[in-house]
Amino acid sequence: MDREEFETYLNANSRVVAIFRSQALAYQHSKNRQRPASKRWSETAVANAVDKMVSQFIDNVYDKLKANVKENKLHPYESWGEVNTFSDSLLSDFL
C-alpha cells in the first residue's frame, strides 16, 4: 500500500485525520491571533499551513506503520487490516 492509498484508507476507516485536522486548525488560528494585526495570515495561508501539518502527520504515521507491518505480497491489503485499530492508538502519540 502506498502513501496515497494509506491516506484514502485512513479517511474512509478512521477519524484520526479529521481529529488531527481539527486540532491543527485550532492551533493555527490561535497562533495567527497572536501575530500583530499587520502580519496575520489570510484564511488561505492558515488552511495551507493546516494542510501541510496534516500531510506531515500522515507521512509520520505511514512511516511508523510501514516499519512495523510486513506486507503480504499476494494479499497486500490483508496485512494492512490492523491499521484502523492501530491508527487510533498512534493518534495519542502524535496529539
Protein backbone atom coordinates (compact mmCIF):
# COMPACT_ATOMS: atom_id res chain seq x y z
CA MET A 1 0.00 0.00 0.00
CA ASP A 2 1.49 3.32 -0.99
CA ARG A 3 1.06 6.58 0.88
CA GLU A 4 -1.92 7.83 -1.14
CA GLU A 5 -3.79 4.55 -0.70
CA PHE A 6 -2.99 4.70 3.00
CA GLU A 7 -4.41 8.22 3.27
CA THR A 8 -7.58 7.15 1.46
CA TYR A 9 -7.87 4.13 3.75
CA LEU A 10 -7.42 6.28 6.86
CA ASN A 11 -10.01 8.81 5.73
CA ALA A 12 -12.53 6.07 4.96
CA ASN A 13 -11.98 3.93 8.07
CA SER A 14 -10.79 6.18 10.86
CA ARG A 15 -11.41 9.61 12.33
CA VAL A 16 -7.73 10.14 13.09
CA VAL A 17 -7.10 12.56 10.22
CA ALA A 18 -10.30 14.55 10.90
CA ILE A 19 -9.43 14.89 14.60
CA PHE A 20 -5.87 15.90 13.81
CA ARG A 21 -7.05 18.41 11.17
CA SER A 22 -9.49 19.97 13.64
CA GLN A 23 -6.81 20.36 16.30
CA ALA A 24 -4.27 21.67 13.79
CA LEU A 25 -6.78 24.29 12.60
CA ALA A 26 -7.43 25.42 16.18
CA TYR A 27 -3.68 25.61 16.77
CA GLN A 28 -3.05 27.66 13.61
CA HIS A 29 -5.90 30.05 14.41
CA SER A 30 -4.54 30.53 17.93
CA LYS A 31 -1.06 31.14 16.56
CA ASN A 32 -2.46 33.58 13.99
CA ARG A 33 -4.32 35.60 16.65
CA GLN A 34 -1.02 36.10 18.49
CA ARG A 35 0.58 37.74 15.47
CA PRO A 36 0.48 41.51 15.13
CA ALA A 37 -2.52 42.64 13.06
CA SER A 38 -0.33 43.67 10.14
CA LYS A 39 1.34 40.24 10.00
CA ARG A 40 -1.70 37.99 10.39
CA TRP A 41 -2.18 35.31 7.80
CA SER A 42 -5.17 35.09 5.49
CA GLU A 43 -7.55 32.14 5.82
CA THR A 44 -5.90 30.63 2.74
CA ALA A 45 -2.47 30.76 4.38
CA VAL A 46 -3.88 29.22 7.57
CA ALA A 47 -5.56 26.46 5.54
CA ASN A 48 -2.29 25.79 3.69
CA ALA A 49 -0.41 25.52 7.00
CA VAL A 50 -3.02 23.05 8.28
CA ASP A 51 -2.79 21.00 5.08
CA LYS A 52 0.99 20.84 5.49
CA MET A 53 0.65 19.70 9.11
CA VAL A 54 -1.87 17.01 8.12
CA SER A 55 0.39 15.81 5.32
CA GLN A 56 3.35 15.55 7.70
CA PHE A 57 1.16 13.74 10.24
CA ILE A 58 0.05 11.16 7.65
CA ASP A 59 3.65 10.72 6.47
CA ASN A 60 4.80 10.09 10.05
CA VAL A 61 2.02 7.58 10.75
CA TYR A 62 2.61 5.83 7.42
CA ASP A 63 6.35 5.56 8.06
CA LYS A 64 5.79 4.16 11.57
CA LEU A 65 3.27 1.62 10.33
CA LYS A 66 5.29 0.62 7.30
CA ALA A 67 8.24 -0.15 9.55
CA ASN A 68 6.05 -2.42 11.71
CA VAL A 69 3.76 -4.10 9.13
CA LYS A 70 5.20 -6.79 6.93
CA GLU A 71 3.25 -6.66 3.68
CA ASN A 72 1.91 -9.89 2.25
CA LYS A 73 2.82 -9.78 -1.46
CA LEU A 74 -0.13 -11.95 -2.53
CA HIS A 75 -2.76 -10.10 -0.45
CA PRO A 76 -1.28 -6.70 0.42
CA TYR A 77 -4.47 -5.23 1.90
CA GLU A 78 -4.83 -8.08 4.39
CA SER A 79 -1.55 -7.14 6.05
CA TRP A 80 -2.79 -3.57 6.49
CA GLY A 81 -6.07 -4.71 8.05
CA GLU A 82 -4.85 -3.92 11.54
CA VAL A 83 -4.17 -0.31 10.61
CA ASN A 84 -7.57 1.01 11.73
CA THR A 85 -7.22 -0.15 15.33
CA PHE A 86 -3.52 0.66 15.44
CA SER A 87 -4.03 4.16 13.98
CA ASP A 88 -6.26 5.18 16.88
CA SER A 89 -3.54 4.26 19.36
CA LEU A 90 -0.98 6.15 17.28
CA LEU A 91 -3.17 9.24 17.42
CA SER A 92 -2.45 9.59 21.11
CA ASP A 93 1.30 9.53 20.34
CA PHE A 94 1.02 12.48 17.97
CA LEU A 95 -1.54 14.64 19.78
